Amino acid sequence: MTRRQHEELVGVLAMLITFAIGGAVVAALAGATIIPIAAVLLIAFAKGRLVVLDFLELRSGQHPMRVALIGWLCILLTAALARSLAVALIG
């Protein structure tokens, strides 16, 4: 790993930590309304995408594993949003 790659990876790690803290703050302060839940899920998507692209080194090209992992992330977050919507509308 070159020095530049190391610095980029540390920058992505700092971004992931910032996203994690931001998501936790939004979740703690927001309550059970739809907009903050969607914001937290959007932050979770950004974190997952960074992990897939940078830490799993799938940024270059159209690797099938990249598409599969981001697709799986979308499915999980859509299910989480659907569950949150159902709880908010029913309960």
PDB file of N, CA and C in Angstrom:
ATOM      1  N   MET A   1       0.851  -1.174   0.000  1.00  0.00           N
ATOM      2  CA  MET A   1       0.000   0.000   0.000  1.00  0.00           C
ATOM      3  C   MET A   1       0.897   1.237   0.000  1.00  0.00           C
ATOM      4  N   THR A   2       0.625   2.108  -0.930  1.00  0.00           N
ATOM      5  CA  THR A   2       1.415   3.333  -1.020  1.00  0.00           C
ATOM      6  C   THR A   2       0.937   4.338   0.030  1.00  0.00           C
ATOM      7  N   ARG A   3       1.729   5.370   0.193  1.00  0.00           N
ATOM      8  CA  ARG A   3       1.387   6.401   1.174  1.00  0.00           C
ATOM      9  C   ARG A   3       0.067   7.087   0.795  1.00  0.00           C
ATOM     10  N   ARG A   4      -0.122   7.341  -0.489  1.00  0.00           N
ATOM     11  CA  ARG A   4      -1.345   7.995  -0.951  1.00  0.00           C
ATOM     12  C   ARG A   4      -2.567   7.120  -0.683  1.00  0.00           C
ATOM     13  N   GLN A   5      -2.460   5.832  -0.959  1.00  0.00           N
ATOM     14  CA  GLN A   5      -3.567   4.915  -0.698  1.00  0.00           C
ATOM     15  C   GLN A   5      -3.885   4.863   0.792  1.00  0.00           C
ATOM     16  N   HIS A   6      -2.845   4.866   1.600  1.00  0.00           N
ATOM     17  CA  HIS A   6      -3.037   4.851   3.048  1.00  0.00           C
ATOM     18  C   HIS A   6      -3.772   6.106   3.510  1.00  0.00           C
ATOM     19  N   GLU A   7      -3.362   7.262   2.989  1.00  0.00           N
ATOM     20  CA  GLU A   7      -4.006   8.513   3.367  1.00  0.00           C
ATOM     21  C   GLU A   7      -5.465   8.550   2.914  1.00  0.00           C
ATOM     22  N   GLU A   8      -5.752   8.031   1.711  1.00  0.00           N
ATOM     23  CA  GLU A   8      -7.135   7.977   1.236  1.00  0.00           C
ATOM     24  C   GLU A   8      -7.977   7.059   2.113  1.00  0.00           C
ATOM     25  N   LEU A   9      -7.410   5.931   2.502  1.00  0.00           N
ATOM     26  CA  LEU A   9      -8.131   4.988   3.349  1.00  0.00           C
ATOM     27  C   LEU A   9      -8.409   5.578   4.731  1.00  0.00           C
ATOM     28  N   VAL A  10      -7.461   6.309   5.278  1.00  0.00           N
ATOM     29  CA  VAL A  10      -7.666   6.978   6.561  1.00  0.00           C
ATOM     30  C   VAL A  10      -8.743   8.051   6.433  1.00  0.00           C
ATOM     31  N   GLY A  11      -8.777   8.755   5.305  1.00  0.00           N
ATOM     32  CA  GLY A  11      -9.823   9.743   5.063  1.00  0.00           C
ATOM     33  C   GLY A  11     -11.202   9.101   4.994  1.00  0.00           C
ATOM     34  N   VAL A  12     -11.298   7.967   4.335  1.00  0.00           N
ATOM     35  CA  VAL A  12     -12.579   7.242   4.258  1.00  0.00           C
ATOM     36  C   VAL A  12     -12.975   6.743   5.642  1.00  0.00           C
ATOM     37  N   LEU A  13     -12.018   6.275   6.423  1.00  0.00           N
ATOM     38  CA  LEU A  13     -12.310   5.831   7.787  1.00  0.00           C
ATOM     39  C   LEU A  13     -12.849   6.989   8.622  1.00  0.00           C
ATOM     40  N   ALA A  14     -12.247   8.164   8.485  1.00  0.00           N
ATOM     41  CA  ALA A  14     -12.742   9.337   9.214  1.00  0.00           C
ATOM     42  C   ALA A  14     -14.165   9.679   8.778  1.00  0.00           C
ATOM     43  N   MET A  15     -14.455   9.537   7.489  1.00  0.00           N
ATOM     44  CA  MET A  15     -15.802   9.795   6.989  1.00  0.00           C
ATOM     45  C   MET A  15     -16.789   8.772   7.552  1.00  0.00           C
ATOM     46  N   LEU A  16     -16.393   7.510   7.621  1.00  0.00           N
ATOM     47  CA  LEU A  16     -17.257   6.477   8.186  1.00  0.00           C
ATOM     48  C   LEU A  16     -17.565   6.748   9.658  1.00  0.00           C
ATOM     49  N   ILE A  17     -16.566   7.162  10.401  1.00  0.00           N
ATOM     50  CA  ILE A  17     -16.775   7.475  11.816  1.00  0.00           C
ATOM     51  C   ILE A  17     -17.705   8.664  11.964  1.00  0.00           C
ATOM     52  N   THR A  18     -17.532   9.668  11.102  1.00  0.00           N
ATOM     53  CA  THR A  18     -18.419  10.832  11.129  1.00  0.00           C
ATOM     54  C   THR A  18     -19.852  10.426  10.806  1.00  0.00           C
ATOM     55  N   PHE A  19     -20.031   9.591   9.792  1.00  0.00           N
ATOM     56  CA  PHE A  19     -21.372   9.102   9.449  1.00  0.00           C
ATOM     57  C   PHE A  19     -21.985   8.314  10.601  1.00  0.00           C
ATOM     58  N   ALA A  20     -21.182   7.481  11.259  1.00  0.00           N
ATOM     59  CA  ALA A  20     -21.698   6.679  12.368  1.00  0.00           C
ATOM     60  C   ALA A  20     -22.147   7.564  13.530  1.00  0.00           C
ATOM     61  N   ILE A  21     -21.349   8.540  13.865  1.00  0.00           N
ATOM     62  CA  ILE A  21     -21.718   9.448  14.957  1.00  0.00           C
ATOM     63  C   ILE A  21     -22.933  10.279  14.562  1.00  0.00           C
ATOM     64  N   GLY A  22     -22.958  10.770  13.334  1.00  0.00           N
ATOM     65  CA  GLY A  22     -24.103  11.548  12.860  1.00  0.00           C
ATOM     66  C   GLY A  22     -25.382  10.741  12.860  1.00  0.00           C
ATOM     67  N   GLY A  23     -25.320   9.500  12.409  1.00  0.00           N
ATOM     68  CA  GLY A  23     -26.488   8.637  12.423  1.00  0.00           C
ATOM     69  C   GLY A  23     -26.977   8.357  13.825  1.00  0.00           C
ATOM     70  N   ALA A  24     -26.048   8.140  14.744  1.00  0.00           N
ATOM     71  CA  ALA A  24     -26.432   7.893  16.137  1.00  0.00           C
ATOM     72  C   ALA A  24     -27.079   9.130  16.757  1.00  0.00           C
ATOM     73  N   VAL A  25     -26.554  10.299  16.472  1.00  0.00           N
ATOM     74  CA  VAL A  25     -27.124  11.540  17.013  1.00  0.00           C
ATOM     75  C   VAL A  25     -28.524  11.769  16.457  1.00  0.00           C
ATOM     76  N   VAL A  26     -28.688  11.598  15.142  1.00  0.00           N
ATOM     77  CA  VAL A  26     -30.011  11.780  14.536  1.00  0.00           C
ATOM     78  C   VAL A  26     -31.005  10.774  15.118  1.00  0.00           C
ATOM     79  N   ALA A  27     -30.593   9.530  15.256  1.00  0.00           N
ATOM     80  CA  ALA A  27     -31.477   8.508  15.798  1.00  0.00           C
ATOM     81  C   ALA A  27     -31.838   8.789  17.254  1.00  0.00           C
ATOM     82  N   ALA A  28     -30.897   9.285  18.027  1.00  0.00           N
ATOM     83  CA  ALA A  28     -31.154   9.540  19.444  1.00  0.00           C
ATOM     84  C   ALA A  28     -32.057  10.745  19.666  1.00  0.00           C
ATOM     85  N   LEU A  29     -31.931  11.756  18.828  1.00  0.00           N
ATOM     86  CA  LEU A  29     -32.669  12.988  19.042  1.00  0.00           C
ATOM     87  C   LEU A  29     -34.002  13.060  18.304  1.00  0.00           C
ATOM     88  N   ALA A  30     -34.246  12.173  17.371  1.00  0.00           N
ATOM     89  CA  ALA A  30     -35.366  12.345  16.458  1.00  0.00           C
ATOM     90  C   ALA A  30     -36.680  11.760  16.949  1.00  0.00           C
ATOM     91  N   GLY A  31     -36.669  10.602  17.516  1.00  0.00           N
ATOM     92  CA  GLY A  31     -37.934   9.950  17.849  1.00  0.00           C
ATOM     93  C   GLY A  31     -38.369   9.033  16.723  1.00  0.00           C
ATOM     94  N   ALA A  32     -39.676   8.774  16.660  1.00  0.00           N
ATOM     95  CA  ALA A  32     -40.191   7.783  15.717  1.00  0.00           C
ATOM     96  C   ALA A  32     -40.873   8.410  14.510  1.00  0.00           C
ATOM     97  N   THR A  33     -40.387   9.526  14.026  1.00  0.00           N
ATOM     98  CA  THR A  33     -40.972  10.128  12.840  1.00  0.00           C
ATOM     99  C   THR A  33     -40.258   9.617  11.592  1.00  0.00           C
ATOM    100  N   ILE A  34     -40.889   9.759  10.453  1.00  0.00           N
ATOM    101  CA  ILE A  34     -40.404   9.142   9.225  1.00  0.00           C
ATOM    102  C   ILE A  34     -39.151   9.818   8.667  1.00  0.00           C
ATOM    103  N   ILE A  35     -39.080  11.127   8.678  1.00  0.00           N
ATOM    104  CA  ILE A  35     -37.948  11.847   8.064  1.00  0.00           C
ATOM    105  C   ILE A  35     -36.618  11.481   8.724  1.00  0.00           C
ATOM    106  N   PRO A  36     -36.507  11.499  10.056  1.00  0.00           N
ATOM    107  CA  PRO A  36     -35.224  11.102  10.657  1.00  0.00           C
ATOM    108  C   PRO A  36     -34.876   9.633  10.410  1.00  0.00           C
ATOM    109  N   ILE A  37     -35.899   8.787  10.354  1.00  0.00           N
ATOM    110  CA  ILE A  37     -35.629   7.367  10.066  1.00  0.00           C
ATOM    111  C   ILE A  37     -35.054   7.233   8.665  1.00  0.00           C
ATOM    112  N   ALA A  38     -35.640   7.937   7.708  1.00  0.00           N
ATOM    113  CA  ALA A  38     -35.113   7.906   6.338  1.00  0.00           C
ATOM    114  C   ALA A  38     -33.706   8.486   6.284  1.00  0.00           C
ATOM    115  N   ALA A  39     -33.438   9.522   7.063  1.00  0.00           N
ATOM    116  CA  ALA A  39     -32.098  10.120   7.095  1.00  0.00           C
ATOM    117  C   ALA A  39     -31.074   9.124   7.643  1.00  0.00           C
ATOM    118  N   VAL A  40     -31.435   8.419   8.691  1.00  0.00           N
ATOM    119  CA  VAL A  40     -30.528   7.421   9.266  1.00  0.00           C
ATOM    120  C   VAL A  40     -30.271   6.292   8.267  1.00  0.00           C
ATOM    121  N   LEU A  41     -31.302   5.864   7.559  1.00  0.00           N
ATOM    122  CA  LEU A  41     -31.121   4.811   6.561  1.00  0.00           C
ATOM    123  C   LEU A  41     -30.286   5.288   5.378  1.00  0.00           C
ATOM    124  N   LEU A  42     -30.424   6.547   5.010  1.00  0.00           N
ATOM    125  CA  LEU A  42     -29.589   7.111   3.952  1.00  0.00           C
ATOM    126  C   LEU A  42     -28.125   7.169   4.395  1.00  0.00           C
ATOM    127  N   ILE A  43     -27.893   7.534   5.638  1.00  0.00           N
ATOM    128  CA  ILE A  43     -26.529   7.526   6.177  1.00  0.00           C
ATOM    129  C   ILE A  43     -25.988   6.101   6.207  1.00  0.00           C
ATOM    130  N   ALA A  44     -26.840   5.136   6.560  1.00  0.00           N
ATOM    131  CA  ALA A  44     -26.412   3.734   6.573  1.00  0.00           C
ATOM    132  C   ALA A  44     -26.037   3.267   5.170  1.00  0.00           C
ATOM    133  N   PHE A  45     -26.790   3.718   4.153  1.00  0.00           N
ATOM    134  CA  PHE A  45     -26.443   3.363   2.778  1.00  0.00           C
ATOM    135  C   PHE A  45     -25.079   3.942   2.407  1.00  0.00           C
ATOM    136  N   ALA A  46     -24.849   5.186   2.771  1.00  0.00           N
ATOM    137  CA  ALA A  46     -23.562   5.822   2.455  1.00  0.00           C
ATOM    138  C   ALA A  46     -22.412   5.074   3.125  1.00  0.00           C
ATOM    139  N   LYS A  47     -22.607   4.674   4.366  1.00  0.00           N
ATOM    140  CA  LYS A  47     -21.559   3.917   5.068  1.00  0.00           C
ATOM    141  C   LYS A  47     -21.322   2.571   4.398  1.00  0.00           C
ATOM    142  N   GLY A  48     -22.393   1.870   4.084  1.00  0.00           N
ATOM    143  CA  GLY A  48     -22.249   0.558   3.447  1.00  0.00           C
ATOM    144  C   GLY A  48     -21.568   0.656   2.092  1.00  0.00           C
ATOM    145  N   ARG A  49     -21.917   1.678   1.328  1.00  0.00           N
ATOM    146  CA  ARG A  49     -21.304   1.863   0.022  1.00  0.00           C
ATOM    147  C   ARG A  49     -19.807   2.148   0.154  1.00  0.00           C
ATOM    148  N   LEU A  50     -19.435   2.965   1.132  1.00  0.00           N
ATOM    149  CA  LEU A  50     -18.011   3.237   1.348  1.00  0.00           C
ATOM    150  C   LEU A  50     -17.254   1.972   1.742  1.00  0.00           C
ATOM    151  N   VAL A  51     -17.864   1.162   2.583  1.00  0.00           N
ATOM    152  CA  VAL A  51     -17.211  -0.082   2.992  1.00  0.00           C
ATOM    153  C   VAL A  51     -17.027  -0.997   1.786  1.00  0.00           C
ATOM    154  N   VAL A  52     -18.073  -1.146   0.982  1.00  0.00           N
ATOM    155  CA  VAL A  52     -17.984  -2.026  -0.186  1.00  0.00           C
ATOM    156  C   VAL A  52     -16.947  -1.513  -1.172  1.00  0.00           C
ATOM    157  N   LEU A  53     -16.964  -0.229  -1.456  1.00  0.00           N
ATOM    158  CA  LEU A  53     -16.077   0.298  -2.489  1.00  0.00           C
ATOM    159  C   LEU A  53     -14.633   0.428  -2.032  1.00  0.00           C
ATOM    160  N   ASP A  54     -14.415   0.912  -0.821  1.00  0.00           N
ATOM    161  CA  ASP A  54     -13.049   1.209  -0.394  1.00  0.00           C
ATOM    162  C   ASP A  54     -12.409   0.100   0.431  1.00  0.00           C
ATOM    163  N   PHE A  55     -13.101  -0.405   1.421  1.00  0.00           N
ATOM    164  CA  PHE A  55     -12.468  -1.395   2.286  1.00  0.00           C
ATOM    165  C   PHE A  55     -12.466  -2.798   1.677  1.00  0.00           C
ATOM    166  N   LEU A  56     -13.410  -3.089   0.801  1.00  0.00           N
ATOM    167  CA  LEU A  56     -13.393  -4.357   0.075  1.00  0.00           C
ATOM    168  C   LEU A  56     -12.713  -4.226  -1.280  1.00  0.00           C
ATOM    169  N   GLU A  57     -12.220  -3.019  -1.581  1.00  0.00           N
ATOM    170  CA  GLU A  57     -11.456  -2.715  -2.782  1.00  0.00           C
ATOM    171  C   GLU A  57     -12.205  -3.097  -4.056  1.00  0.00           C
ATOM    172  N   LEU A  58     -13.480  -2.703  -4.133  1.00  0.00           N
ATOM    173  CA  LEU A  58     -14.288  -2.987  -5.310  1.00  0.00           C
ATOM    174  C   LEU A  58     -14.648  -1.709  -6.064  1.00  0.00           C
ATOM    175  N   ARG A  59     -13.861  -0.669  -5.897  1.00  0.00           N
ATOM    176  CA  ARG A  59     -14.164   0.612  -6.528  1.00  0.00           C
ATOM    177  C   ARG A  59     -13.926   0.570  -8.040  1.00  0.00           C
ATOM    178  N   SER A  60     -12.913  -0.117  -8.490  1.00  0.00           N
ATOM    179  CA  SER A  60     -12.579  -0.096  -9.915  1.00  0.00           C
ATOM    180  C   SER A  60     -13.377  -1.158 -10.677  1.00  0.00           C
ATOM    181  N   GLY A  61     -13.925  -0.766 -11.822  1.00  0.00           N
ATOM    182  CA  GLY A  61     -14.617  -1.701 -12.699  1.00  0.00           C
ATOM    183  C   GLY A  61     -16.013  -2.049 -12.230  1.00  0.00           C
ATOM    184  N   GLN A  62     -16.659  -2.907 -13.002  1.00  0.00           N
ATOM    185  CA  GLN A  62     -18.002  -3.391 -12.670  1.00  0.00           C
ATOM    186  C   GLN A  62     -17.906  -4.839 -12.205  1.00  0.00           C
ATOM    187  N   HIS A  63     -17.332  -5.042 -11.069  1.00  0.00           N
ATOM    188  CA  HIS A  63     -17.183  -6.369 -10.494  1.00  0.00           C
ATOM    189  C   HIS A  63     -18.554  -6.888 -10.068  1.00  0.00           C
ATOM    190  N   PRO A  64     -18.888  -8.149 -10.378  1.00  0.00           N
ATOM    191  CA  PRO A  64     -20.203  -8.678 -10.000  1.00  0.00           C
ATOM    192  C   PRO A  64     -20.445  -8.661  -8.488  1.00  0.00           C
ATOM    193  N   MET A  65     -19.402  -8.843  -7.708  1.00  0.00           N
ATOM    194  CA  MET A  65     -19.553  -8.822  -6.255  1.00  0.00           C
ATOM    195  C   MET A  65     -19.944  -7.428  -5.776  1.00  0.00           C
ATOM    196  N   ARG A  66     -19.422  -6.407  -6.425  1.00  0.00           N
ATOM    197  CA  ARG A  66     -19.771  -5.014  -6.081  1.00  0.00           C
ATOM    198  C   ARG A  66     -21.259  -4.784  -6.278  1.00  0.00           C
ATOM    199  N   VAL A  67     -21.772  -5.187  -7.435  1.00  0.00           N
ATOM    200  CA  VAL A  67     -23.192  -5.018  -7.734  1.00  0.00           C
ATOM    201  C   VAL A  67     -24.043  -5.818  -6.755  1.00  0.00           C
ATOM    202  N   ALA A  68     -23.621  -7.032  -6.458  1.00  0.00           N
ATOM    203  CA  ALA A  68     -24.375  -7.889  -5.536  1.00  0.00           C
ATOM    204  C   ALA A  68     -24.401  -7.309  -4.122  1.00  0.00           C
ATOM    205  N   LEU A  69     -23.276  -6.815  -3.635  1.00  0.00           N
ATOM    206  CA  LEU A  69     -23.222  -6.285  -2.276  1.00  0.00           C
ATOM    207  C   LEU A  69     -24.019  -4.989  -2.136  1.00  0.00           C
ATOM    208  N   ILE A  70     -23.939  -4.118  -3.125  1.00  0.00           N
ATOM    209  CA  ILE A  70     -24.720  -2.883  -3.056  1.00  0.00           C
ATOM    210  C   ILE A  70     -26.204  -3.186  -3.226  1.00  0.00           C
ATOM    211  N   GLY A  71     -26.533  -4.174  -4.068  1.00  0.00           N
ATOM    212  CA  GLY A  71     -27.923  -4.603  -4.196  1.00  0.00           C
ATOM    213  C   GLY A  71     -28.469  -5.173  -2.898  1.00  0.00           C
ATOM    214  N   TRP A  72     -27.664  -5.983  -2.220  1.00  0.00           N
ATOM    215  CA  TRP A  72     -28.062  -6.557  -0.926  1.00  0.00           C
ATOM    216  C   TRP A  72     -28.272  -5.447   0.099  1.00  0.00           C
ATOM    217  N   LEU A  73     -27.410  -4.472   0.088  1.00  0.00           N
ATOM    218  CA  LEU A  73     -27.545  -3.319   0.978  1.00  0.00           C
ATOM    219  C   LEU A  73     -28.852  -2.585   0.708  1.00  0.00           C
ATOM    220  N   CYS A  74     -29.177  -2.387  -0.557  1.00  0.00           N
ATOM    221  CA  CYS A  74     -30.443  -1.719  -0.913  1.00  0.00           C
ATOM    222  C   CYS A  74     -31.652  -2.530  -0.452  1.00  0.00           C
ATOM    223  N   ILE A  75     -31.602  -3.833  -0.604  1.00  0.00           N
ATOM    224  CA  ILE A  75     -32.715  -4.689  -0.172  1.00  0.00           C
ATOM    225  C   ILE A  75     -32.906  -4.595   1.337  1.00  0.00           C
ATOM    226  N   LEU A  76     -31.820  -4.677   2.094  1.00  0.00           N
ATOM    227  CA  LEU A  76     -31.921  -4.611   3.553  1.00  0.00           C
ATOM    228  C   LEU A  76     -32.443  -3.261   4.033  1.00  0.00           C
ATOM    229  N   LEU A  77     -31.954  -2.184   3.436  1.00  0.00           N
ATOM    230  CA  LEU A  77     -32.394  -0.862   3.865  1.00  0.00           C
ATOM    231  C   LEU A  77     -33.833  -0.584   3.430  1.00  0.00           C
ATOM    232  N   THR A  78     -34.251  -1.118   2.295  1.00  0.00           N
ATOM    233  CA  THR A  78     -35.648  -0.986   1.881  1.00  0.00           C
ATOM    234  C   THR A  78     -36.557  -1.743   2.841  1.00  0.00           C
ATOM    235  N   ALA A  79     -36.133  -2.927   3.263  1.00  0.00           N
ATOM    236  CA  ALA A  79     -36.912  -3.684   4.245  1.00  0.00           C
ATOM    237  C   ALA A  79     -36.989  -2.935   5.579  1.00  0.00           C
ATOM    238  N   ALA A  80     -35.899  -2.326   5.988  1.00  0.00           N
ATOM    239  CA  ALA A  80     -35.897  -1.556   7.235  1.00  0.00           C
ATOM    240  C   ALA A  80     -36.821  -0.341   7.123  1.00  0.00           C
ATOM    241  N   LEU A  81     -36.820   0.320   5.975  1.00  0.00           N
ATOM    242  CA  LEU A  81     -37.715   1.459   5.776  1.00  0.00           C
ATOM    243  C   LEU A  81     -39.173   1.016   5.756  1.00  0.00           C
ATOM    244  N   ALA A  82     -39.451  -0.102   5.094  1.00  0.00           N
ATOM    245  CA  ALA A  82     -40.824  -0.617   5.063  1.00  0.00           C
ATOM    246  C   ALA A  82     -41.305  -0.969   6.463  1.00  0.00           C
ATOM    247  N   ARG A  83     -40.443  -1.580   7.255  1.00  0.00           N
ATOM    248  CA  ARG A  83     -40.812  -1.919   8.636  1.00  0.00           C
ATOM    249  C   ARG A  83     -41.066  -0.652   9.446  1.00  0.00           C
ATOM    250  N   SER A  84     -40.221   0.346   9.283  1.00  0.00           N
ATOM    251  CA  SER A  84     -40.391   1.596  10.019  1.00  0.00           C
ATOM    252  C   SER A  84     -41.667   2.309   9.615  1.00  0.00           C
ATOM    253  N   LEU A  85     -41.977   2.304   8.331  1.00  0.00           N
ATOM    254  CA  LEU A  85     -43.213   2.903   7.853  1.00  0.00           C
ATOM    255  C   LEU A  85     -44.436   2.163   8.412  1.00  0.00           C
ATOM    256  N   ALA A  86     -44.357   0.846   8.430  1.00  0.00           N
ATOM    257  CA  ALA A  86     -45.476   0.059   8.952  1.00  0.00           C
ATOM    258  C   ALA A  86     -45.691   0.337  10.426  1.00  0.00           C
ATOM    259  N   VAL A  87     -44.624   0.416  11.193  1.00  0.00           N
ATOM    260  CA  VAL A  87     -44.744   0.691  12.629  1.00  0.00           C
ATOM    261  C   VAL A  87     -45.278   2.112  12.853  1.00  0.00           C
ATOM    262  N   ALA A  88     -44.797   3.064  12.051  1.00  0.00           N
ATOM    263  CA  ALA A  88     -45.240   4.444  12.227  1.00  0.00           C
ATOM    264  C   ALA A  88     -46.700   4.629  11.829  1.00  0.00           C
ATOM    265  N   LEU A  89     -47.153   3.951  10.809  1.00  0.00           N
ATOM    266  CA  LEU A  89     -48.523   4.112  10.330  1.00  0.00           C
ATOM    267  C   LEU A  89     -49.529   3.298  11.147  1.00  0.00           C
ATOM    268  N   ILE A  90     -49.132   2.113  11.580  1.00  0.00           N
ATOM    269  CA  ILE A  90     -50.037   1.247  12.345  1.00  0.00           C
ATOM    270  C   ILE A  90     -50.030   1.614  13.820  1.00  0.00           C
ATOM    271  N   GLY A  91     -48.817   1.816  14.359  1.00  0.00           N
ATOM    272  CA  GLY A  91     -48.694   2.033  15.793  1.00  0.00           C
ATOM    273  C   GLY A  91     -48.725   3.434  16.149  1.00  0.00           C
TER     274      GLY A  91
END
